[in-house]
Amino acid sequence: MNTADQAVLAHHHAAATMWGRGGKHYDEVSFAVSDALAHAAHRLNARPGERILDVATGTGWSARNVARTGAAVTAVDISQELLAAARELSGHIRPAIAFREGDAECLPFEERAFDGIISTFGVMFAFDQAKAADELARVCRPGGRLALTTWAAEGSVAEFFGIIAQHSDAPPPPVSPLAWGDPTHVEKLLGKAFDLKFERGLSNGYHRSTEDIWELYTRSFGPLKQLVASFPAVRVDQLRRDVDAYHRRYAVPAGLHVKREYLLTIGRRR
């Protein structure tokens, strides 16, 4: 049985530290992909009074999107720093969102506790994907709904993560988080518990320049911020050259128009 004492599993401690490095600034990353987050909230279609869970809430952007419908939202994350930011940024929301520390592989809730579950570029980063998928099914009531946005298995975000991986000394995960962007893989994870439908989406981000987006990521995006903090200057310069070259491909007269492909999974619990 899951308990609140099992908030974050040991193999996620390093990830919690990494993602938490962005703190309150991580909300800027959510703003940059807010069209994709809104897509998931619209498809979840929460109703007043429904019990909704946001898994890996970050700074609470999707939790706030759902709470605006009048739903009773609970939001979990493995990072205490992000949860502190989420509470601060969501203080004005009514009904109030319940934020708590929790791991996607070991959710601290009873079976069938929620009418709907949302996770926007969150649950896809769980270490054990099968356990995380099982937990989504366990806490969703029969007839309940699911909305997940996950980065596409191939495309611009996959390439960006590839650049970070090339510069990182960390071992790769057993299964890439980007596997969640493949409908066939998602069917294997969730298809026994949910009737699934899929929509492809394209998130549009707008930035002034390569300098502007570099400053955004190194201030707000935990994985890149951690690399920069741990590298000597020469390695930071090499990393920045690759990141800048990647973003220059999205140059338009007004600055940068970065296009990021994603998959929206819509489910109904059997």
Protein backbone atom coordinates (compact mmCIF):
# COMPACT_ATOMS: atom_id res chain seq x y z
CA MET A 1 0.00 0.00 0.00
CA ASN A 2 1.30 3.44 -0.87
CA THR A 3 1.74 5.88 1.98
CA ALA A 4 2.67 9.53 2.29
CA ASP A 5 5.93 8.38 3.91
CA GLN A 6 6.98 6.93 0.55
CA ALA A 7 6.87 10.35 -1.10
CA VAL A 8 9.88 9.91 -3.41
CA LEU A 9 11.53 6.62 -4.26
CA ALA A 10 15.30 6.44 -3.82
CA HIS A 11 16.08 6.17 -7.53
CA HIS A 12 14.28 9.47 -8.13
CA HIS A 13 16.23 11.52 -5.57
CA ALA A 14 18.77 12.69 -8.14
CA ALA A 15 15.99 13.57 -10.58
CA ALA A 16 14.16 15.53 -7.88
CA THR A 17 17.29 17.58 -7.26
CA MET A 18 17.87 18.15 -10.97
CA TRP A 19 14.34 19.27 -11.82
CA GLY A 20 14.14 21.37 -8.68
CA ARG A 21 17.12 23.50 -9.75
CA GLY A 22 14.82 25.67 -11.82
CA GLY A 23 12.65 26.53 -8.80
CA LYS A 24 10.06 29.20 -9.43
CA HIS A 25 11.74 30.07 -12.74
CA TYR A 26 10.60 26.70 -14.14
CA ASP A 27 7.23 28.38 -14.65
CA GLU A 28 8.87 30.19 -17.59
CA VAL A 29 9.44 26.82 -19.27
CA SER A 30 5.77 25.96 -18.77
CA PHE A 31 4.81 29.31 -20.29
CA ALA A 32 6.91 28.52 -23.36
CA VAL A 33 4.91 25.32 -23.98
CA SER A 34 1.61 26.53 -22.52
CA ASP A 35 -0.33 25.82 -25.72
CA ALA A 36 0.39 22.09 -25.29
CA LEU A 37 -0.57 22.25 -21.60
CA ALA A 38 -3.88 23.89 -22.48
CA HIS A 39 -4.52 21.19 -25.10
CA ALA A 40 -4.38 18.51 -22.40
CA ALA A 41 -6.63 20.43 -20.02
CA HIS A 42 -9.24 20.95 -22.74
CA ARG A 43 -9.26 17.26 -23.63
CA LEU A 44 -9.52 16.23 -19.97
CA ASN A 45 -12.68 18.35 -19.83
CA ALA A 46 -12.91 18.48 -16.04
CA ARG A 47 -16.19 19.44 -14.39
CA PRO A 48 -16.93 21.35 -11.17
CA GLY A 49 -16.46 19.14 -8.13
CA GLU A 50 -14.64 16.34 -9.94
CA ARG A 51 -11.52 14.97 -8.24
CA ILE A 52 -8.55 15.48 -10.57
CA LEU A 53 -4.92 14.49 -10.08
CA ASP A 54 -2.01 16.28 -11.77
CA VAL A 55 1.05 14.01 -11.80
CA ALA A 56 4.49 15.69 -11.91
CA THR A 57 2.91 19.13 -11.66
CA GLY A 58 6.13 21.17 -11.75
CA THR A 59 5.13 24.72 -10.85
CA GLY A 60 1.46 23.82 -11.14
CA TRP A 61 0.59 25.24 -14.56
CA SER A 62 -1.66 22.34 -15.60
CA ALA A 63 -3.14 22.07 -12.12
CA ARG A 64 -4.22 25.70 -12.43
CA ASN A 65 -5.59 25.10 -15.93
CA VAL A 66 -7.81 22.35 -14.55
CA ALA A 67 -8.79 24.14 -11.33
CA ARG A 68 -10.30 26.98 -13.33
CA THR A 69 -13.17 24.58 -14.19
CA GLY A 70 -14.13 24.26 -10.52
CA ALA A 71 -12.65 20.78 -10.16
CA ALA A 72 -11.03 19.69 -6.90
CA VAL A 73 -7.39 19.34 -7.97
CA THR A 74 -4.61 17.49 -6.19
CA ALA A 75 -1.12 17.87 -7.65
CA VAL A 76 2.04 15.89 -6.88
CA ASP A 77 5.70 16.26 -7.74
CA ILE A 78 9.00 14.73 -6.60
CA SER A 79 10.67 18.14 -6.18
CA GLN A 80 10.06 20.09 -2.99
CA GLU A 81 11.48 23.20 -4.68
CA LEU A 82 8.95 23.02 -7.51
CA LEU A 83 6.12 22.31 -5.08
CA ALA A 84 7.03 25.39 -3.05
CA ALA A 85 6.91 27.45 -6.22
CA ALA A 86 3.61 25.86 -7.26
CA ARG A 87 2.01 26.71 -3.92
CA GLU A 88 3.17 30.33 -4.18
CA LEU A 89 2.05 30.74 -7.78
CA SER A 90 -1.31 29.07 -7.14
CA GLY A 91 -2.28 30.86 -3.93
CA HIS A 92 -5.05 32.82 -5.64
CA ILE A 93 -6.77 29.78 -7.18
CA ARG A 94 -10.23 28.75 -5.90
CA PRO A 95 -11.00 26.05 -5.15
CA ALA A 96 -7.53 25.75 -3.68
CA ILE A 97 -5.21 23.14 -5.19
CA ALA A 98 -3.82 20.52 -2.80
CA PHE A 99 -0.08 20.18 -3.50
CA ARG A 100 1.90 17.31 -2.01
CA GLU A 101 5.15 15.50 -2.52
CA GLY A 102 4.68 12.23 -4.38
CA ASP A 103 6.30 9.85 -6.84
CA ALA A 104 4.59 8.76 -10.06
CA GLU A 105 5.70 5.17 -9.40
CA CYS A 106 4.20 5.11 -5.90
CA LEU A 107 1.31 7.56 -5.71
CA PRO A 108 0.16 8.22 -2.12
CA PHE A 109 -3.55 7.70 -2.81
CA GLU A 110 -6.14 4.98 -2.49
CA GLU A 111 -7.39 3.00 -5.46
CA ARG A 112 -10.01 4.70 -7.65
CA ALA A 113 -9.48 8.01 -5.84
CA PHE A 114 -9.81 10.31 -8.88
CA ASP A 115 -12.27 11.07 -11.64
CA GLY A 116 -9.50 12.22 -13.94
CA ILE A 117 -5.73 12.39 -14.25
CA ILE A 118 -3.56 14.82 -16.18
CA SER A 119 0.20 14.83 -16.68
CA THR A 120 1.89 17.26 -19.03
CA PHE A 121 5.48 16.35 -19.93
CA GLY A 122 5.74 14.85 -16.45
CA VAL A 123 5.00 11.16 -15.93
CA MET A 124 7.04 10.40 -19.05
CA PHE A 125 10.22 11.02 -17.02
CA ALA A 126 9.50 8.33 -14.39
CA PHE A 127 12.32 5.79 -14.20
CA ASP A 128 10.09 2.70 -14.24
CA GLN A 129 7.53 3.41 -16.94
CA ALA A 130 5.45 0.28 -16.32
CA LYS A 131 5.06 1.08 -12.61
CA ALA A 132 4.09 4.66 -13.38
CA ALA A 133 1.49 3.47 -15.90
CA ASP A 134 0.10 0.98 -13.38
CA GLU A 135 -0.20 3.74 -10.79
CA LEU A 136 -2.16 5.95 -13.19
CA ALA A 137 -4.60 3.08 -13.69
CA ARG A 138 -4.77 2.21 -9.99
CA VAL A 139 -5.86 5.65 -8.77
CA CYS A 140 -8.32 6.35 -11.60
CA ARG A 141 -11.90 5.20 -11.08
CA PRO A 142 -13.70 3.09 -13.70
CA GLY A 143 -15.02 5.49 -16.32
CA GLY A 144 -12.48 8.11 -15.26
CA ARG A 145 -10.46 10.06 -17.77
CA LEU A 146 -6.79 10.50 -18.61
CA ALA A 147 -4.94 13.23 -20.54
CA LEU A 148 -1.17 13.03 -21.08
CA THR A 149 1.08 15.21 -23.18
CA THR A 150 4.43 13.62 -24.00
CA TRP A 151 7.18 14.75 -26.34
CA ALA A 152 7.23 12.97 -29.68
CA ALA A 153 9.60 10.04 -30.01
CA GLU A 154 11.21 11.77 -33.00
CA GLY A 155 11.43 15.44 -33.85
CA SER A 156 12.75 18.70 -32.48
CA VAL A 157 12.57 17.92 -28.76
CA ALA A 158 14.16 14.50 -29.27
CA GLU A 159 17.01 16.23 -31.05
CA PHE A 160 17.38 18.82 -28.28
CA PHE A 161 17.48 16.13 -25.60
CA GLY A 162 20.04 14.33 -27.74
CA ILE A 163 22.31 17.35 -27.60
CA ILE A 164 22.07 17.44 -23.82
CA ALA A 165 22.75 13.69 -23.64
CA GLN A 166 25.87 14.05 -25.79
CA HIS A 167 27.31 16.50 -23.30
CA SER A 168 26.16 14.69 -20.14
CA ASP A 169 28.20 12.09 -18.29
CA ALA A 170 25.07 10.56 -16.73
CA PRO A 171 24.06 7.05 -17.86
CA PRO A 172 20.97 6.87 -20.06
CA PRO A 173 17.70 5.62 -18.50
CA PRO A 174 16.71 2.00 -19.16
CA VAL A 175 13.96 3.19 -21.51
CA SER A 176 13.93 6.65 -23.09
CA PRO A 177 11.24 9.01 -21.77
CA LEU A 178 10.57 9.80 -25.42
CA ALA A 179 9.11 6.30 -25.83
CA TRP A 180 5.95 7.85 -24.33
CA GLY A 181 5.67 9.79 -27.59
CA ASP A 182 5.07 6.57 -29.56
CA PRO A 183 1.39 5.47 -29.52
CA THR A 184 2.40 1.81 -29.86
CA HIS A 185 4.51 2.04 -26.71
CA VAL A 186 1.77 3.89 -24.82
CA GLU A 187 -0.74 1.20 -25.82
CA LYS A 188 1.56 -1.40 -24.26
CA LEU A 189 1.80 0.62 -21.06
CA LEU A 190 -1.82 1.70 -20.65
CA GLY A 191 -3.94 -0.18 -23.17
CA LYS A 192 -5.02 -2.95 -20.78
CA ALA A 193 -6.56 -0.45 -18.35
CA PHE A 194 -7.66 2.43 -20.60
CA ASP A 195 -9.44 2.85 -23.90
CA LEU A 196 -7.02 5.18 -25.67
CA LYS A 197 -7.14 7.80 -28.40
CA PHE A 198 -4.27 9.91 -29.67
CA GLU A 199 -3.82 13.38 -31.11
CA ARG A 200 -0.63 14.85 -32.51
CA GLY A 201 0.22 18.38 -31.50
CA LEU A 202 2.74 21.09 -32.28
CA SER A 203 3.78 23.49 -29.55
CA ASN A 204 4.91 26.91 -30.77
CA GLY A 205 7.47 28.81 -28.72
CA TYR A 206 8.54 32.36 -29.47
CA HIS A 207 11.83 33.83 -28.30
CA ARG A 208 13.80 36.97 -29.07
CA SER A 209 17.16 35.37 -29.87
CA THR A 210 19.48 32.46 -29.20
CA GLU A 211 20.90 34.48 -26.29
CA ASP A 212 17.40 34.91 -24.88
CA ILE A 213 16.51 31.20 -24.99
CA TRP A 214 19.93 30.19 -23.60
CA GLU A 215 19.35 32.49 -20.62
CA LEU A 216 15.85 31.06 -20.19
CA TYR A 217 17.04 27.45 -20.14
CA THR A 218 20.06 28.02 -17.90
CA ARG A 219 17.86 29.91 -15.45
CA SER A 220 14.76 27.72 -15.53
CA PHE A 221 15.32 24.25 -17.01
CA GLY A 222 16.81 21.97 -14.37
CA PRO A 223 18.67 19.49 -16.63
CA LEU A 224 20.52 22.20 -18.55
CA LYS A 225 21.06 24.38 -15.49
CA GLN A 226 22.65 21.43 -13.70
CA LEU A 227 25.01 20.70 -16.60
CA VAL A 228 26.16 24.30 -16.79
CA ALA A 229 26.73 24.45 -13.02
CA SER A 230 28.84 21.29 -13.07
CA PHE A 231 30.96 22.04 -16.16
CA PRO A 232 34.22 23.98 -16.50
CA ALA A 233 34.02 27.00 -18.78
CA VAL A 234 35.36 25.17 -21.82
CA ARG A 235 32.63 22.53 -21.65
CA VAL A 236 29.95 25.18 -21.11
CA ASP A 237 31.17 26.93 -24.26
CA GLN A 238 30.99 23.70 -26.25
CA LEU A 239 27.49 22.98 -24.97
CA ARG A 240 26.31 26.49 -25.74
CA ARG A 241 27.66 26.35 -29.28
CA ASP A 242 25.61 23.22 -29.95
CA VAL A 243 22.45 24.56 -28.28
CA ASP A 244 22.74 27.87 -30.15
CA ALA A 245 23.27 26.09 -33.47
CA TYR A 246 20.16 24.00 -32.83
CA HIS A 247 18.05 27.08 -32.10
CA ARG A 248 19.35 29.12 -35.05
CA ARG A 249 17.44 26.77 -37.34
CA TYR A 250 14.24 28.32 -35.96
CA ALA A 251 15.21 31.89 -36.84
CA VAL A 252 12.48 34.09 -38.34
CA PRO A 253 12.46 37.85 -38.92
CA ALA A 254 10.92 38.48 -35.48
CA GLY A 255 13.41 36.28 -33.59
CA LEU A 256 12.95 32.54 -32.99
CA HIS A 257 9.88 30.40 -33.65
CA VAL A 258 10.62 27.03 -32.05
CA LYS A 259 8.27 24.20 -33.03
CA ARG A 260 8.04 21.20 -30.71
CA GLU A 261 6.11 18.05 -31.69
CA TYR A 262 4.16 16.16 -29.01
CA LEU A 263 1.62 13.39 -28.53
CA LEU A 264 -1.61 13.82 -26.57
CA THR A 265 -2.96 10.57 -25.11
CA ILE A 266 -6.63 10.61 -24.16
CA GLY A 267 -7.89 7.68 -22.10
CA ARG A 268 -10.99 6.35 -20.39
CA ARG A 269 -10.60 3.84 -17.57
CA ARG A 270 -12.29 0.52 -18.18
